[in-house]
N, C-alpha and C. Protein backbone atom coordinates (compact mmCIF):
# COMPACT_ATOMS: atom_id res chain seq x y z
N MET A 1 -14.57 13.62 7.18
CA MET A 1 -15.64 12.70 7.49
C MET A 1 -15.42 11.43 6.67
N SER A 2 -15.71 10.32 7.28
CA SER A 2 -15.65 9.06 6.55
C SER A 2 -16.80 8.16 6.98
N ILE A 3 -17.22 7.33 6.06
CA ILE A 3 -18.31 6.38 6.30
C ILE A 3 -17.88 5.04 5.74
N SER A 4 -18.07 3.98 6.52
CA SER A 4 -17.80 2.62 6.07
C SER A 4 -19.03 1.77 6.31
N ILE A 5 -19.37 0.98 5.32
CA ILE A 5 -20.51 0.07 5.42
C ILE A 5 -20.04 -1.29 4.91
N GLY A 6 -20.34 -2.32 5.67
CA GLY A 6 -19.97 -3.66 5.25
C GLY A 6 -20.91 -4.69 5.82
N THR A 7 -20.88 -5.86 5.23
CA THR A 7 -21.74 -6.94 5.71
C THR A 7 -21.13 -8.29 5.33
N GLY A 8 -21.53 -9.30 6.07
CA GLY A 8 -21.21 -10.67 5.75
C GLY A 8 -22.50 -11.39 5.39
N ILE A 9 -22.55 -11.96 4.21
CA ILE A 9 -23.77 -12.61 3.72
C ILE A 9 -23.57 -14.12 3.76
N PRO A 10 -24.31 -14.83 4.63
CA PRO A 10 -24.17 -16.29 4.66
C PRO A 10 -24.83 -16.93 3.45
N LEU A 11 -24.14 -17.87 2.86
CA LEU A 11 -24.66 -18.68 1.76
C LEU A 11 -24.41 -20.14 2.12
N ASP A 12 -25.42 -20.75 2.70
CA ASP A 12 -25.30 -22.11 3.22
C ASP A 12 -24.20 -22.10 4.30
N LYS A 13 -23.12 -22.84 4.15
CA LYS A 13 -22.04 -22.83 5.14
C LYS A 13 -20.90 -21.89 4.73
N ASN A 14 -21.09 -21.16 3.66
CA ASN A 14 -20.09 -20.22 3.17
C ASN A 14 -20.52 -18.80 3.50
N LYS A 15 -19.64 -17.83 3.28
CA LYS A 15 -19.97 -16.43 3.49
C LYS A 15 -19.30 -15.58 2.43
N ILE A 16 -19.99 -14.50 2.07
CA ILE A 16 -19.42 -13.46 1.22
C ILE A 16 -19.39 -12.19 2.04
N HIS A 17 -18.27 -11.51 2.02
CA HIS A 17 -18.11 -10.25 2.75
C HIS A 17 -17.92 -9.13 1.74
N ILE A 18 -18.63 -8.03 1.93
CA ILE A 18 -18.45 -6.86 1.07
C ILE A 18 -18.42 -5.61 1.94
N ASN A 19 -17.69 -4.62 1.48
CA ASN A 19 -17.68 -3.34 2.19
C ASN A 19 -17.36 -2.21 1.21
N ILE A 20 -17.77 -1.02 1.59
CA ILE A 20 -17.45 0.18 0.83
C ILE A 20 -17.10 1.27 1.84
N ASP A 21 -16.09 2.04 1.52
CA ASP A 21 -15.63 3.13 2.38
C ASP A 21 -15.66 4.43 1.59
N TYR A 22 -16.07 5.49 2.24
CA TYR A 22 -16.02 6.82 1.64
C TYR A 22 -15.28 7.74 2.59
N VAL A 23 -14.30 8.46 2.06
CA VAL A 23 -13.56 9.45 2.84
C VAL A 23 -13.69 10.77 2.10
N SER A 24 -14.23 11.78 2.78
CA SER A 24 -14.44 13.07 2.12
C SER A 24 -13.11 13.80 1.96
N GLY A 25 -13.10 14.72 1.02
CA GLY A 25 -11.92 15.51 0.75
C GLY A 25 -11.67 16.56 1.82
N ILE A 26 -10.48 17.09 1.82
CA ILE A 26 -10.09 18.16 2.74
C ILE A 26 -9.47 19.26 1.90
N SER A 27 -9.97 20.48 2.07
CA SER A 27 -9.39 21.60 1.33
C SER A 27 -7.98 21.87 1.86
N THR A 28 -7.24 22.65 1.13
CA THR A 28 -5.83 22.90 1.45
C THR A 28 -5.66 23.41 2.88
N TYR A 29 -4.73 22.80 3.59
CA TYR A 29 -4.40 23.22 4.95
C TYR A 29 -2.89 23.19 5.11
N LYS A 30 -2.39 23.90 6.09
CA LYS A 30 -0.95 23.96 6.36
C LYS A 30 -0.60 22.80 7.28
N ARG A 31 0.22 21.89 6.79
CA ARG A 31 0.61 20.72 7.58
C ARG A 31 1.49 21.12 8.75
N ILE A 32 2.40 22.04 8.51
CA ILE A 32 3.29 22.53 9.56
C ILE A 32 3.71 23.95 9.18
N ALA A 33 3.82 24.82 10.17
CA ALA A 33 4.26 26.20 9.93
C ALA A 33 5.76 26.28 10.20
N LEU A 34 6.51 26.57 9.17
CA LEU A 34 7.95 26.68 9.29
C LEU A 34 8.38 28.14 9.18
N PRO A 35 9.41 28.53 9.90
CA PRO A 35 9.89 29.91 9.77
C PRO A 35 10.57 30.10 8.41
N SER A 36 10.56 31.32 7.92
CA SER A 36 11.25 31.63 6.67
C SER A 36 12.75 31.48 6.89
N LEU A 37 13.45 31.10 5.83
CA LEU A 37 14.89 30.86 5.92
C LEU A 37 15.66 31.99 5.25
N ASP A 38 16.78 32.36 5.84
CA ASP A 38 17.67 33.34 5.23
C ASP A 38 18.76 32.57 4.49
N LEU A 39 18.64 32.52 3.17
CA LEU A 39 19.59 31.78 2.35
C LEU A 39 20.59 32.71 1.68
N GLY A 40 20.66 33.96 2.17
CA GLY A 40 21.61 34.91 1.63
C GLY A 40 21.07 35.74 0.48
N ALA A 41 19.83 35.53 0.10
CA ALA A 41 19.21 36.32 -0.97
C ALA A 41 18.67 37.62 -0.38
N ASP A 42 18.15 38.48 -1.25
CA ASP A 42 17.59 39.76 -0.79
C ASP A 42 16.37 39.55 0.10
N GLN A 43 15.62 38.49 -0.16
CA GLN A 43 14.41 38.23 0.63
C GLN A 43 14.52 36.88 1.31
N LEU A 44 13.79 36.72 2.38
CA LEU A 44 13.74 35.43 3.07
C LEU A 44 13.00 34.41 2.22
N THR A 45 13.42 33.16 2.31
CA THR A 45 12.76 32.08 1.58
C THR A 45 11.62 31.54 2.45
N VAL A 46 10.40 31.59 1.90
CA VAL A 46 9.21 31.13 2.63
C VAL A 46 8.99 29.65 2.34
N MET A 47 8.75 28.89 3.37
CA MET A 47 8.50 27.45 3.24
C MET A 47 7.01 27.17 3.37
N HIS A 48 6.45 26.48 2.38
CA HIS A 48 5.04 26.11 2.42
C HIS A 48 4.93 24.59 2.46
N PHE A 49 4.36 24.06 3.49
CA PHE A 49 4.07 22.63 3.57
C PHE A 49 2.56 22.48 3.64
N ASN A 50 1.91 22.60 2.50
CA ASN A 50 0.45 22.54 2.42
C ASN A 50 0.01 21.21 1.84
N GLU A 51 -1.12 20.73 2.31
CA GLU A 51 -1.70 19.49 1.78
C GLU A 51 -3.18 19.70 1.51
N SER A 52 -3.70 18.87 0.62
CA SER A 52 -5.15 18.80 0.40
C SER A 52 -5.46 17.38 -0.06
N ARG A 53 -6.71 17.00 0.13
CA ARG A 53 -7.12 15.63 -0.23
C ARG A 53 -8.43 15.67 -1.00
N LYS A 54 -8.58 14.72 -1.90
CA LYS A 54 -9.82 14.58 -2.65
C LYS A 54 -10.67 13.49 -2.01
N SER A 55 -11.93 13.47 -2.34
CA SER A 55 -12.82 12.41 -1.85
C SER A 55 -12.45 11.09 -2.51
N VAL A 56 -12.54 10.02 -1.73
CA VAL A 56 -12.14 8.71 -2.23
C VAL A 56 -13.16 7.66 -1.82
N PHE A 57 -13.49 6.77 -2.75
CA PHE A 57 -14.27 5.57 -2.46
C PHE A 57 -13.33 4.37 -2.54
N ASN A 58 -13.37 3.50 -1.56
CA ASN A 58 -12.65 2.23 -1.59
C ASN A 58 -13.66 1.12 -1.35
N PHE A 59 -13.35 -0.07 -1.84
CA PHE A 59 -14.26 -1.19 -1.64
C PHE A 59 -13.47 -2.47 -1.48
N GLY A 60 -14.15 -3.46 -0.96
CA GLY A 60 -13.53 -4.75 -0.77
C GLY A 60 -14.56 -5.86 -0.84
N ALA A 61 -14.08 -7.04 -1.17
CA ALA A 61 -14.94 -8.22 -1.22
C ALA A 61 -14.11 -9.43 -0.81
N GLY A 62 -14.75 -10.33 -0.12
CA GLY A 62 -14.06 -11.53 0.31
C GLY A 62 -15.01 -12.69 0.45
N SER A 63 -14.43 -13.86 0.60
CA SER A 63 -15.27 -15.06 0.74
C SER A 63 -14.66 -16.01 1.75
N GLU A 64 -15.53 -16.71 2.45
CA GLU A 64 -15.16 -17.84 3.31
C GLU A 64 -15.76 -19.06 2.66
N LEU A 65 -14.95 -20.01 2.29
CA LEU A 65 -15.43 -21.22 1.64
C LEU A 65 -15.31 -22.39 2.61
N PHE A 66 -16.46 -22.98 2.97
CA PHE A 66 -16.50 -24.13 3.86
C PHE A 66 -16.06 -25.36 3.06
N ILE A 67 -15.01 -26.02 3.52
CA ILE A 67 -14.56 -27.24 2.86
C ILE A 67 -15.04 -28.46 3.64
N ASN A 68 -14.80 -28.45 4.95
CA ASN A 68 -15.36 -29.46 5.85
C ASN A 68 -15.35 -28.88 7.25
N GLU A 69 -15.71 -29.67 8.24
CA GLU A 69 -15.84 -29.17 9.61
C GLU A 69 -14.53 -28.66 10.19
N THR A 70 -13.42 -29.09 9.66
CA THR A 70 -12.13 -28.66 10.21
C THR A 70 -11.35 -27.73 9.29
N LEU A 71 -11.86 -27.46 8.10
CA LEU A 71 -11.08 -26.66 7.15
C LEU A 71 -11.96 -25.65 6.40
N LYS A 72 -11.53 -24.39 6.42
CA LYS A 72 -12.16 -23.32 5.65
C LYS A 72 -11.08 -22.60 4.87
N SER A 73 -11.45 -22.06 3.72
CA SER A 73 -10.49 -21.23 2.98
C SER A 73 -11.04 -19.82 2.85
N PHE A 74 -10.14 -18.87 2.67
CA PHE A 74 -10.49 -17.46 2.58
C PHE A 74 -9.83 -16.85 1.36
N ALA A 75 -10.51 -15.89 0.77
CA ALA A 75 -9.94 -15.08 -0.32
C ALA A 75 -10.55 -13.69 -0.21
N ALA A 76 -9.76 -12.66 -0.51
CA ALA A 76 -10.27 -11.30 -0.41
C ALA A 76 -9.54 -10.37 -1.37
N PHE A 77 -10.22 -9.29 -1.70
CA PHE A 77 -9.69 -8.23 -2.56
C PHE A 77 -10.15 -6.90 -2.00
N SER A 78 -9.28 -5.90 -1.99
CA SER A 78 -9.71 -4.56 -1.58
C SER A 78 -8.86 -3.50 -2.27
N THR A 79 -9.44 -2.32 -2.36
CA THR A 79 -8.73 -1.18 -2.95
C THR A 79 -8.25 -0.27 -1.83
N ASP A 80 -7.24 0.50 -2.13
CA ASP A 80 -6.71 1.49 -1.20
C ASP A 80 -6.27 2.69 -2.04
N PHE A 81 -7.26 3.46 -2.51
CA PHE A 81 -6.98 4.56 -3.42
C PHE A 81 -6.43 5.77 -2.68
N ASN A 82 -5.52 6.44 -3.31
CA ASN A 82 -4.84 7.60 -2.75
C ASN A 82 -5.76 8.81 -2.74
N GLY A 83 -5.84 9.50 -1.62
CA GLY A 83 -6.67 10.69 -1.51
C GLY A 83 -5.92 12.00 -1.66
N PHE A 84 -4.59 11.95 -1.80
CA PHE A 84 -3.83 13.20 -1.86
C PHE A 84 -4.07 13.95 -3.17
N LYS A 85 -4.39 15.23 -3.06
CA LYS A 85 -4.31 16.14 -4.21
C LYS A 85 -2.91 16.72 -4.22
N THR A 86 -2.52 17.27 -3.08
CA THR A 86 -1.16 17.76 -2.89
C THR A 86 -0.66 17.21 -1.57
N ASN A 87 0.63 16.94 -1.53
CA ASN A 87 1.22 16.34 -0.35
C ASN A 87 2.53 17.04 -0.06
N ALA A 88 2.66 17.64 1.09
CA ALA A 88 3.90 18.31 1.46
C ALA A 88 4.98 17.28 1.71
N ASN A 89 6.14 17.50 1.11
CA ASN A 89 7.25 16.58 1.33
C ASN A 89 8.57 17.33 1.20
N ILE A 90 9.66 16.67 1.45
CA ILE A 90 10.97 17.31 1.47
C ILE A 90 11.36 17.84 0.10
N LEU A 91 10.80 17.32 -0.98
CA LEU A 91 11.12 17.83 -2.31
C LEU A 91 10.66 19.28 -2.46
N ASP A 92 9.68 19.69 -1.67
CA ASP A 92 9.22 21.08 -1.72
C ASP A 92 10.37 22.03 -1.41
N LEU A 93 11.30 21.61 -0.57
CA LEU A 93 12.42 22.46 -0.19
C LEU A 93 13.52 22.47 -1.24
N SER A 94 13.72 21.35 -1.94
CA SER A 94 14.85 21.23 -2.85
C SER A 94 14.62 21.90 -4.19
N ASN A 95 13.37 22.02 -4.62
CA ASN A 95 13.10 22.60 -5.93
C ASN A 95 11.68 23.15 -5.93
N PRO A 96 11.51 24.45 -6.21
CA PRO A 96 10.17 25.04 -6.18
C PRO A 96 9.20 24.39 -7.16
N ASP A 97 9.73 23.76 -8.22
CA ASP A 97 8.85 23.09 -9.20
C ASP A 97 8.12 21.91 -8.58
N TYR A 98 8.62 21.40 -7.47
CA TYR A 98 8.02 20.22 -6.85
C TYR A 98 7.09 20.57 -5.71
N GLU A 99 6.88 21.87 -5.46
CA GLU A 99 5.99 22.26 -4.37
C GLU A 99 4.61 21.67 -4.59
N GLY A 100 4.12 20.98 -3.61
CA GLY A 100 2.78 20.39 -3.71
C GLY A 100 2.75 19.10 -4.50
N SER A 101 3.89 18.46 -4.73
CA SER A 101 3.87 17.21 -5.48
C SER A 101 3.27 16.11 -4.62
N SER A 102 2.59 15.20 -5.25
CA SER A 102 1.94 14.11 -4.52
C SER A 102 2.80 12.87 -4.61
N ILE A 103 3.03 12.22 -3.48
CA ILE A 103 3.82 11.00 -3.49
C ILE A 103 2.98 9.79 -3.13
N GLY A 104 1.67 9.95 -3.08
CA GLY A 104 0.80 8.83 -2.76
C GLY A 104 0.48 8.00 -3.99
N ASP A 105 0.13 6.76 -3.78
CA ASP A 105 -0.20 5.86 -4.88
C ASP A 105 -1.48 5.12 -4.56
N ASP A 106 -2.06 4.53 -5.59
CA ASP A 106 -3.23 3.67 -5.43
C ASP A 106 -2.75 2.24 -5.26
N PHE A 107 -3.32 1.53 -4.30
CA PHE A 107 -2.91 0.16 -4.04
C PHE A 107 -4.08 -0.80 -4.19
N LEU A 108 -3.77 -2.03 -4.59
CA LEU A 108 -4.72 -3.14 -4.61
C LEU A 108 -4.18 -4.20 -3.66
N HIS A 109 -5.07 -4.80 -2.88
CA HIS A 109 -4.69 -5.82 -1.91
C HIS A 109 -5.42 -7.13 -2.22
N PHE A 110 -4.69 -8.23 -2.17
CA PHE A 110 -5.25 -9.56 -2.36
C PHE A 110 -4.78 -10.43 -1.20
N SER A 111 -5.64 -11.33 -0.75
CA SER A 111 -5.23 -12.25 0.30
C SER A 111 -5.91 -13.60 0.11
N PHE A 112 -5.20 -14.64 0.54
CA PHE A 112 -5.70 -16.01 0.44
C PHE A 112 -5.23 -16.75 1.69
N GLY A 113 -6.01 -17.71 2.13
CA GLY A 113 -5.57 -18.46 3.29
C GLY A 113 -6.52 -19.58 3.66
N VAL A 114 -6.11 -20.33 4.67
CA VAL A 114 -6.93 -21.43 5.19
C VAL A 114 -6.98 -21.33 6.71
N ASP A 115 -8.09 -21.78 7.26
CA ASP A 115 -8.29 -21.88 8.70
C ASP A 115 -8.49 -23.36 8.99
N TRP A 116 -7.55 -23.97 9.68
CA TRP A 116 -7.56 -25.41 9.91
C TRP A 116 -7.74 -25.65 11.40
N LYS A 117 -8.85 -26.28 11.77
CA LYS A 117 -9.15 -26.56 13.17
C LYS A 117 -8.65 -27.96 13.51
N LEU A 118 -7.67 -27.98 14.39
CA LEU A 118 -7.14 -29.24 14.89
C LEU A 118 -7.81 -29.56 16.22
N LYS A 119 -7.57 -30.73 16.75
CA LYS A 119 -8.19 -31.11 18.02
C LYS A 119 -7.68 -30.22 19.16
N TRP A 120 -6.43 -29.80 19.11
CA TRP A 120 -5.81 -29.05 20.20
C TRP A 120 -5.62 -27.56 19.90
N ALA A 121 -5.85 -27.14 18.65
CA ALA A 121 -5.61 -25.73 18.31
C ALA A 121 -6.27 -25.38 16.98
N ASN A 122 -6.35 -24.10 16.72
CA ASN A 122 -6.77 -23.60 15.40
C ASN A 122 -5.54 -22.97 14.75
N THR A 123 -5.31 -23.29 13.49
CA THR A 123 -4.17 -22.71 12.78
C THR A 123 -4.67 -21.94 11.57
N ILE A 124 -3.98 -20.87 11.28
CA ILE A 124 -4.29 -20.05 10.11
C ILE A 124 -3.02 -19.93 9.29
N LEU A 125 -3.11 -20.22 8.02
CA LEU A 125 -2.01 -20.07 7.09
C LEU A 125 -2.51 -19.21 5.94
N GLY A 126 -1.73 -18.20 5.57
CA GLY A 126 -2.20 -17.33 4.50
C GLY A 126 -1.10 -16.50 3.89
N VAL A 127 -1.48 -15.78 2.86
CA VAL A 127 -0.56 -14.88 2.17
C VAL A 127 -1.34 -13.63 1.76
N THR A 128 -0.69 -12.48 1.87
CA THR A 128 -1.30 -11.24 1.41
C THR A 128 -0.35 -10.57 0.43
N TYR A 129 -0.93 -9.90 -0.55
CA TYR A 129 -0.16 -9.17 -1.56
C TYR A 129 -0.73 -7.77 -1.67
N ALA A 130 0.12 -6.78 -1.70
CA ALA A 130 -0.29 -5.39 -1.95
C ALA A 130 0.60 -4.85 -3.05
N GLY A 131 -0.01 -4.17 -4.00
CA GLY A 131 0.77 -3.60 -5.10
C GLY A 131 0.18 -2.30 -5.57
N GLY A 132 1.04 -1.43 -6.04
CA GLY A 132 0.60 -0.15 -6.57
C GLY A 132 1.74 0.53 -7.30
N SER A 133 1.42 1.56 -8.04
CA SER A 133 2.45 2.32 -8.73
C SER A 133 1.98 3.75 -8.92
N GLY A 134 2.93 4.61 -9.18
CA GLY A 134 2.60 6.02 -9.40
C GLY A 134 3.80 6.76 -9.93
N PRO A 135 3.58 7.99 -10.36
CA PRO A 135 4.69 8.78 -10.91
C PRO A 135 5.70 9.13 -9.82
N ALA A 136 6.96 9.17 -10.21
CA ALA A 136 8.04 9.56 -9.31
C ALA A 136 8.86 10.63 -10.02
N SER A 137 8.72 11.85 -9.59
CA SER A 137 9.45 12.94 -10.22
C SER A 137 10.91 12.90 -9.83
N ASN A 138 11.77 13.28 -10.76
CA ASN A 138 13.20 13.36 -10.51
C ASN A 138 13.48 14.61 -9.69
N PRO A 139 13.99 14.49 -8.47
CA PRO A 139 14.20 15.67 -7.63
C PRO A 139 15.42 16.50 -8.03
N LEU A 140 16.29 15.95 -8.88
CA LEU A 140 17.49 16.68 -9.29
C LEU A 140 17.37 17.09 -10.75
N GLU A 141 17.78 18.29 -11.03
CA GLU A 141 17.76 18.77 -12.40
C GLU A 141 19.05 19.54 -12.64
N PHE A 142 19.80 19.12 -13.64
CA PHE A 142 21.07 19.77 -13.95
C PHE A 142 20.87 20.73 -15.11
N ASN A 143 21.55 21.85 -15.07
CA ASN A 143 21.46 22.83 -16.15
C ASN A 143 22.34 22.35 -17.30
N THR A 144 21.71 21.85 -18.33
CA THR A 144 22.43 21.35 -19.50
C THR A 144 22.03 22.11 -20.75
N ASN A 145 21.59 23.35 -20.59
CA ASN A 145 21.17 24.15 -21.74
C ASN A 145 22.29 24.31 -22.76
N THR A 146 23.52 24.31 -22.32
CA THR A 146 24.64 24.52 -23.24
C THR A 146 24.81 23.36 -24.21
N ILE A 147 24.32 22.18 -23.85
CA ILE A 147 24.44 21.04 -24.77
C ILE A 147 23.10 20.66 -25.39
N GLY A 148 22.06 21.43 -25.10
CA GLY A 148 20.77 21.24 -25.77
C GLY A 148 19.98 20.04 -25.31
N THR A 149 20.14 19.62 -24.09
CA THR A 149 19.37 18.49 -23.57
C THR A 149 18.91 18.82 -22.16
N THR A 150 18.07 18.00 -21.63
CA THR A 150 17.59 18.19 -20.27
C THR A 150 17.73 16.89 -19.48
N THR A 151 17.91 17.02 -18.20
CA THR A 151 17.97 15.83 -17.35
C THR A 151 16.72 15.70 -16.51
N HIS A 152 15.70 16.47 -16.83
CA HIS A 152 14.45 16.39 -16.07
C HIS A 152 13.66 15.18 -16.56
N LEU A 153 13.85 14.07 -15.89
CA LEU A 153 13.21 12.82 -16.29
C LEU A 153 12.26 12.38 -15.20
N ASP A 154 11.08 11.97 -15.58
CA ASP A 154 10.13 11.42 -14.62
C ASP A 154 10.12 9.91 -14.76
N SER A 155 9.91 9.25 -13.67
CA SER A 155 9.89 7.80 -13.63
C SER A 155 8.57 7.33 -13.04
N LYS A 156 8.42 6.03 -13.00
CA LYS A 156 7.26 5.43 -12.36
C LYS A 156 7.78 4.52 -11.25
N ALA A 157 7.28 4.73 -10.05
CA ALA A 157 7.66 3.89 -8.92
C ALA A 157 6.63 2.78 -8.75
N LYS A 158 7.12 1.57 -8.59
CA LYS A 158 6.24 0.42 -8.41
C LYS A 158 6.52 -0.19 -7.04
N PHE A 159 5.46 -0.40 -6.28
CA PHE A 159 5.58 -0.96 -4.94
C PHE A 159 4.85 -2.30 -4.88
N THR A 160 5.50 -3.30 -4.31
CA THR A 160 4.84 -4.58 -4.07
C THR A 160 5.26 -5.08 -2.69
N ARG A 161 4.35 -5.79 -2.05
CA ARG A 161 4.66 -6.35 -0.74
C ARG A 161 3.93 -7.68 -0.60
N TRP A 162 4.66 -8.69 -0.21
CA TRP A 162 4.10 -9.99 0.12
C TRP A 162 4.26 -10.21 1.62
N GLN A 163 3.21 -10.71 2.25
CA GLN A 163 3.30 -11.08 3.66
C GLN A 163 2.76 -12.49 3.82
N PHE A 164 3.45 -13.26 4.61
CA PHE A 164 3.00 -14.62 4.89
C PHE A 164 2.51 -14.66 6.33
N VAL A 165 1.36 -15.25 6.53
CA VAL A 165 0.70 -15.24 7.83
C VAL A 165 0.63 -16.66 8.37
N ILE A 166 1.11 -16.83 9.60
CA ILE A 166 0.99 -18.11 10.30
C ILE A 166 0.44 -17.78 11.68
N GLY A 167 -0.68 -18.37 12.02
CA GLY A 167 -1.27 -18.12 13.32
C GLY A 167 -1.68 -19.41 14.00
N ILE A 168 -1.45 -19.47 15.30
CA ILE A 168 -1.85 -20.64 16.08
C ILE A 168 -2.62 -20.14 17.30
N GLU A 169 -3.82 -20.65 17.46
CA GLU A 169 -4.65 -20.32 18.61
C GLU A 169 -4.83 -21.60 19.42
N VAL A 170 -4.35 -21.56 20.66
CA VAL A 170 -4.46 -22.72 21.55
C VAL A 170 -5.41 -22.35 22.67
N PRO A 171 -6.60 -22.93 22.69
CA PRO A 171 -7.56 -22.61 23.76
C PRO A 171 -7.14 -23.26 25.08
N PHE A 172 -7.35 -22.53 26.18
CA PHE A 172 -6.96 -23.02 27.49
C PHE A 172 -8.14 -23.18 28.45
N SER A 173 -9.33 -23.24 27.93
CA SER A 173 -10.48 -23.41 28.82
C SER A 173 -10.54 -24.86 29.33
N ASN A 174 -11.13 -25.05 30.49
CA ASN A 174 -11.23 -26.39 31.09
C ASN A 174 -11.98 -27.35 30.19
N GLU A 175 -13.05 -26.88 29.57
CA GLU A 175 -13.84 -27.77 28.71
C GLU A 175 -13.03 -28.23 27.50
N LYS A 176 -12.25 -27.34 26.91
CA LYS A 176 -11.45 -27.69 25.75
C LYS A 176 -10.36 -28.68 26.13
N ILE A 177 -9.75 -28.48 27.28
CA ILE A 177 -8.70 -29.39 27.73
C ILE A 177 -9.27 -30.78 27.98
N LYS A 178 -10.46 -30.87 28.56
CA LYS A 178 -11.11 -32.16 28.79
C LYS A 178 -11.40 -32.86 27.46
N THR A 179 -11.80 -32.08 26.44
CA THR A 179 -12.10 -32.66 25.13
C THR A 179 -10.84 -33.20 24.48
N VAL A 180 -9.74 -32.49 24.59
CA VAL A 180 -8.48 -32.92 23.98
C VAL A 180 -7.96 -34.18 24.66
N ILE A 181 -8.12 -34.27 25.98
CA ILE A 181 -7.62 -35.43 26.73
C ILE A 181 -8.39 -36.69 26.38
N LYS A 182 -9.67 -36.57 26.08
CA LYS A 182 -10.49 -37.76 25.77
C LYS A 182 -10.06 -38.45 24.55
């Protein structure tokens, strides 16, 4: 179950937008049922691809700033929190220690832009940024007991994404064309 509530609040010629999202958790379920594998051992190897999710709240806020009749600017921020408790992935097969490892991360999103109304079209120019990080377990482990060290190292994965937005809206209604011609 999920619930989202949001609103746009006018402040003179400007607006503030806010929203909150709630996604309920899901108890452990089998993502896919795989047959047991015969790897040459005395018993068959059972494959478990189970997932579960925790409840998550996300929120966002944004603004529309009126500059003049032909120009508005926008700015926004939102969260995208990870709901995975356990996440089935291919590492579950490579090493039993990784069964149920979570590969999801929490992300933050930022965006900025302008809406410029020209006589013949509306243009939008903007940029969005998303970033997040989380633990990244080392899927390979070498037996180095004979030299007294371990190669089981955990890392942190960092994700970033920039997107540039360019939009052009050209109205084709008869009234708009008459206005542009004048």
